Protein backbone atom coordinates (compact mmCIF):
# COMPACT_ATOMS: atom_id res chain seq x y z
CA MET A 1 153.44 91.32 130.80
CA LEU A 2 153.55 89.35 133.38
CA GLU A 3 156.82 86.83 133.12
CA LYS A 4 157.72 83.52 135.88
CA LEU A 5 160.79 80.57 135.95
CA TYR A 6 160.01 77.94 137.16
CA VAL A 7 163.31 75.77 137.74
CA VAL A 8 162.53 72.23 137.27
CA ARG A 9 165.28 69.49 139.20
CA ASN A 10 166.17 65.72 138.58
CA GLU A 11 165.65 63.15 141.11
CA ASP A 12 169.27 64.28 142.29
CA GLY A 13 167.54 67.84 142.98
CA LYS A 14 169.92 69.32 140.34
CA PRO A 15 168.11 71.78 137.67
CA TYR A 16 168.28 70.58 134.21
CA ARG A 17 165.67 72.72 133.21
CA ILE A 18 164.54 76.58 133.35
CA VAL A 19 160.40 76.81 131.76
CA GLY A 20 159.42 80.23 131.69
CA THR A 21 155.92 82.25 131.10
CA MET A 22 154.46 84.89 129.91
CA GLN A 23 151.21 86.88 130.42
CA ASP A 24 149.54 90.04 128.84
CA LEU A 25 148.32 91.77 131.72
CA THR A 26 146.70 94.58 129.55
CA LYS A 27 142.78 93.40 129.45
CA ILE A 28 143.59 92.42 133.61
CA ARG A 29 144.35 96.12 134.30
CA ALA A 30 142.30 97.60 132.34
CA ILE A 31 139.48 95.79 134.02
CA GLU A 32 141.21 96.29 137.63
CA LYS A 33 140.87 100.63 136.61
CA LYS A 34 137.49 100.47 135.27
CA GLY A 35 136.56 98.86 139.59
CA GLU A 36 139.07 101.90 140.54
CA ASN A 37 137.23 104.22 138.58
CA GLU A 38 134.38 103.08 139.73
CA LYS A 39 134.57 103.01 143.62
CA LEU A 40 135.77 106.01 143.58
CA LYS A 41 132.71 107.81 141.71
CA GLN A 42 130.29 105.93 143.82
CA GLN A 43 133.10 107.27 146.99
CA ARG A 44 131.38 110.87 145.43
CA ALA A 45 128.18 110.69 144.59
CA ILE A 46 128.45 109.36 148.35
CA THR A 47 130.05 112.37 149.61
CA LYS A 48 127.91 114.54 147.85
CA ALA A 49 124.63 112.89 148.76
CA ILE A 50 125.85 113.28 152.69
CA MET A 51 126.83 116.58 151.30
CA LYS A 52 123.40 117.69 150.19
CA ALA A 53 121.19 116.31 153.07
CA GLU A 54 123.68 117.89 155.83
CA GLU A 55 122.52 121.00 153.84
CA GLU A 56 118.31 120.32 153.72
CA GLU A 57 119.03 119.82 157.30
CA ARG A 58 120.79 122.74 158.06
CA LYS A 59 117.62 124.39 156.13
CA GLU A 60 115.00 122.96 158.28
CA LEU A 61 116.96 123.65 161.64
CA SER A 62 116.77 127.45 160.59
CA ASP A 63 113.36 127.01 158.84
CA GLU A 64 112.68 126.40 162.57
CA LEU A 65 114.47 129.11 164.30
CA ASN A 66 112.77 131.40 162.55
CA GLU A 67 109.44 130.59 161.91
CA ASN A 68 108.51 129.38 164.80
CA ILE A 69 111.15 130.30 167.73
CA ASN A 70 111.73 133.95 167.07
CA GLN A 71 108.30 134.75 165.90
CA VAL A 72 106.96 133.50 169.42
CA LEU A 73 110.08 135.54 171.24
CA ALA A 74 109.31 138.65 168.80
CA THR A 75 105.62 138.36 170.70
CA ILE A 76 106.46 137.77 173.79
CA ASN A 77 108.76 141.28 173.75
CA LEU A 78 105.33 143.13 172.10
CA HIS A 79 103.68 141.50 175.47
CA ILE A 80 106.30 142.82 177.73
CA GLU A 81 105.90 146.23 175.76
CA GLN A 82 102.50 146.31 176.42
CA VAL A 83 103.58 145.57 180.58
CA LYS A 84 106.21 148.57 180.39
CA ARG A 85 103.19 150.90 179.78
CA GLN A 86 101.09 149.85 182.81
CA ALA A 87 104.28 148.89 184.66
CA ASP A 88 104.17 151.89 188.63
CA GLY A 89 107.44 151.65 190.31
CA TYR A 90 110.77 152.02 189.00
CA GLY A 91 111.88 148.93 190.42
CA ARG A 92 109.61 146.82 188.21
CA LEU A 93 110.08 149.14 184.98
CA GLU A 94 113.74 148.09 185.50
CA TRP A 95 112.98 144.57 185.50
CA LEU A 96 111.19 144.28 182.15
CA ASN A 97 113.64 146.91 180.82
CA ASN A 98 115.98 144.18 181.14
CA ALA A 99 113.75 141.52 180.23
CA GLN A 100 112.99 142.76 177.53
CA GLN A 101 117.26 143.16 176.53
CA LEU A 102 117.84 139.78 177.07
CA LEU A 103 115.15 138.55 174.85
CA ARG A 104 116.11 140.98 172.45
CA MET A 105 119.68 139.97 172.70
CA SER A 106 118.11 136.33 171.87
CA ILE A 107 116.92 136.93 169.26
CA GLU A 108 119.72 138.14 167.55
CA ASN A 109 121.61 134.60 168.88
CA ILE A 110 119.68 133.50 167.14
CA ARG A 111 119.28 135.53 163.72
CA SER A 112 123.05 134.78 163.84
CA ILE A 113 122.60 131.62 163.91
CA SER A 114 119.89 130.83 161.35
CA LYS A 115 121.98 133.32 158.95
CA GLN A 116 125.21 130.87 159.01
CA LEU A 117 123.12 126.84 159.19
CA THR A 118 121.61 128.68 155.72
CA PRO A 119 123.55 131.71 153.49
CA ALA A 120 120.71 133.56 152.76
CA SER A 121 122.44 136.05 150.76
CA LEU A 122 124.02 133.40 148.63
CA PRO A 123 121.43 132.68 145.85
CA PHE A 124 120.75 135.90 145.50
CA PHE A 125 123.52 138.80 145.29
CA GLY A 126 126.28 135.44 144.61
CA LEU A 127 129.27 134.05 146.46
CA LEU A 128 131.76 137.16 146.86
CA SER A 129 128.90 139.61 147.75
CA SER A 130 128.72 136.76 150.43
CA VAL A 131 131.57 136.13 151.60
CA GLU A 132 131.98 140.05 152.21
CA GLU A 133 129.17 139.81 154.43
CA LEU A 134 130.59 136.92 156.05
CA LEU A 135 133.52 138.46 157.06
CA GLU A 136 131.97 141.99 158.08
CA THR A 137 130.30 139.77 160.54
CA VAL A 138 133.10 138.26 161.82
CA HIS A 139 135.07 141.47 161.74
CA LYS A 140 132.89 143.22 164.23
CA ARG A 141 132.17 140.06 166.84
CA THR A 142 136.12 139.84 167.13
CA LYS A 143 138.26 143.13 165.17
CA ILE A 144 140.59 140.44 162.78
CA LYS A 145 140.81 142.17 160.38
CA PHE A 146 140.08 140.63 156.73
CA HIS A 147 141.96 141.89 153.90
CA PHE A 148 139.93 140.41 149.71
CA ARG A 149 140.95 140.04 147.05
CA SER A 150 138.54 138.73 144.65
CA ASP A 151 138.14 138.32 141.00
CA LYS A 152 134.31 138.29 139.48
CA ASN A 153 134.70 135.45 136.72
CA ALA A 154 134.92 133.24 139.33
CA GLU A 155 131.95 133.63 139.91
CA GLN A 156 130.27 132.61 136.80
CA LYS A 157 132.99 129.55 136.82
CA ALA A 158 131.39 128.03 139.93
CA ASP A 159 127.79 126.97 139.92
CA LYS A 160 125.91 126.31 143.26
CA GLU A 161 127.25 123.21 144.56
CA LYS A 162 130.48 124.57 144.29
CA LYS A 163 129.68 128.09 145.75
CA LEU A 164 128.29 126.58 148.55
CA PHE A 165 130.47 124.23 149.07
CA ILE A 166 133.75 126.89 149.24
CA TYR A 167 131.13 129.64 150.76
CA ARG A 168 131.44 126.62 153.68
CA VAL A 169 134.57 125.64 153.76
CA LEU A 170 135.67 129.45 153.95
CA GLN A 171 133.18 129.18 157.64
CA LEU A 172 134.63 126.76 158.80
CA GLN A 173 138.36 127.47 158.78
CA LEU A 174 137.38 131.00 159.84
CA LYS A 175 135.62 129.17 163.23
CA ASN A 176 138.62 126.95 163.61
CA ILE A 177 141.02 130.30 163.63
CA ARG A 178 138.44 132.38 166.31
CA ALA A 179 139.67 129.54 167.98
CA HIS A 180 142.58 128.26 167.95
CA ALA A 181 144.85 130.77 166.19
CA ALA A 182 144.60 133.96 168.31
CA ALA A 183 145.62 135.70 164.38
CA THR A 184 145.25 139.11 163.59
CA VAL A 185 145.16 139.43 160.40
CA VAL A 186 143.64 136.64 156.80
CA HIS A 187 144.11 137.55 154.21
CA VAL A 188 141.13 135.36 151.99
CA GLN A 189 141.38 135.83 148.13
CA ILE A 190 138.76 133.65 146.11
CA ASP A 191 140.67 133.70 142.26
CA CYS A 192 140.63 132.19 139.00
CA ALA A 193 143.26 128.88 138.21
CA GLY A 194 142.72 128.33 134.56
CA ASP A 195 139.64 126.95 134.33
CA LYS A 196 138.93 125.86 138.04
CA ILE A 197 138.13 128.00 140.96
CA ARG A 198 140.64 129.36 143.85
CA LEU A 199 139.76 129.90 147.59
CA SER A 200 143.30 130.96 150.13
CA VAL A 201 142.55 131.37 153.69
CA LYS A 202 145.72 132.48 155.24
CA ASP A 203 146.37 133.53 158.53
CA ASN A 204 149.07 135.65 160.94
CA GLY A 205 148.20 132.96 164.10
CA VAL A 206 150.31 131.20 165.99
CA GLY A 207 150.24 128.04 163.35
CA PHE A 208 151.13 124.47 164.42
CA ASP A 209 153.12 120.99 163.68
CA PRO A 210 150.74 119.21 160.65
CA ALA A 211 152.66 116.29 161.71
CA LYS A 212 151.59 117.07 165.37
CA LEU A 213 147.66 117.59 164.72
CA LYS A 214 147.04 114.45 162.72
CA PHE A 215 145.32 116.18 160.16
CA GLY A 216 142.64 117.12 162.27
CA TYR A 217 139.80 120.56 162.79
CA GLY A 218 138.32 119.43 160.28
CA PHE A 219 140.78 119.80 157.64
CA SER A 220 139.63 115.64 156.76
CA ARG A 221 136.80 115.95 156.01
CA ILE A 222 137.32 119.27 153.53
CA GLN A 223 139.56 116.90 152.00
CA ARG A 224 137.32 114.16 151.47
CA GLN A 225 134.82 116.42 150.61
CA THR A 226 136.87 118.46 147.84
CA GLU A 227 137.69 115.26 146.42
CA ALA A 228 134.03 114.68 145.93
CA PHE A 229 134.59 117.38 143.54
CA ASN A 230 137.53 116.75 141.97
CA GLY A 231 139.22 119.35 143.20
CA SER A 232 142.62 119.21 145.26
CA PHE A 233 143.45 120.42 148.80
CA SER A 234 146.16 121.43 150.55
CA VAL A 235 147.19 122.90 154.46
CA LYS A 236 150.56 124.23 155.47
CA SER A 237 151.49 126.25 158.91
CA ASN A 238 154.31 126.24 161.36
CA ALA A 239 154.73 126.90 164.87
CA GLY A 240 154.37 130.93 164.84
CA LYS A 241 154.20 131.57 160.97
CA GLY A 242 150.29 131.34 160.86
CA CYS A 243 148.71 128.75 158.59
CA LYS A 244 147.72 128.24 154.85
CA LEU A 245 144.74 126.80 153.41
CA GLU A 246 144.05 126.24 149.77
CA ILE A 247 141.20 124.52 147.60
CA LEU A 248 141.21 124.26 144.17
CA LEU A 249 137.76 123.17 142.09
């Protein structure tokens, strides 16, 4: 209810009457709440549409790298192999060997980038197996020690979109850890929390002051996208005490 009081004054300016009104705001509040809910639904739909478009763009780029660029490089590698068989003189053969080594390195790097763009194992082997593969890949490159705990039931609670989103969040946080945390140990956990699925990533790195960070490192993006799934997001850290990121979908 909205209550209003009006003071009625005489010609001398002295109050001689108070008039009160009451208005029932139930219907108005209901209309406002409905409008807010519709706006929230639209925002979530837009965020999901953007995420879908980004995934399609990643897939196109991954296909381009694999099907075109890498095939060309592989063909060049075969030509070099043929020339090596006819090369005379140690110097020429050494140059060809060096060129071939660089070429093979480029092919492997492109395969790695393509794999990051589109996790090919996710649709076939599921979220948990794909996460294990991702952690193993990062470990080989960085020597960071990973402890991965998972609940097999979590695999059944998430649809294709949520699994891909969880994978992307983990990818981004591992990138943050490699670039900024100087961590040696990372604990990753995927489990169930009631009827929801939870991802937790905790490192023993240098940490940071959240107040000074201004929610950077892609955290605001993760929060916005998590909300699109009607989920929750939190990040906790202190200088010298590492960081813990958690999403609940």
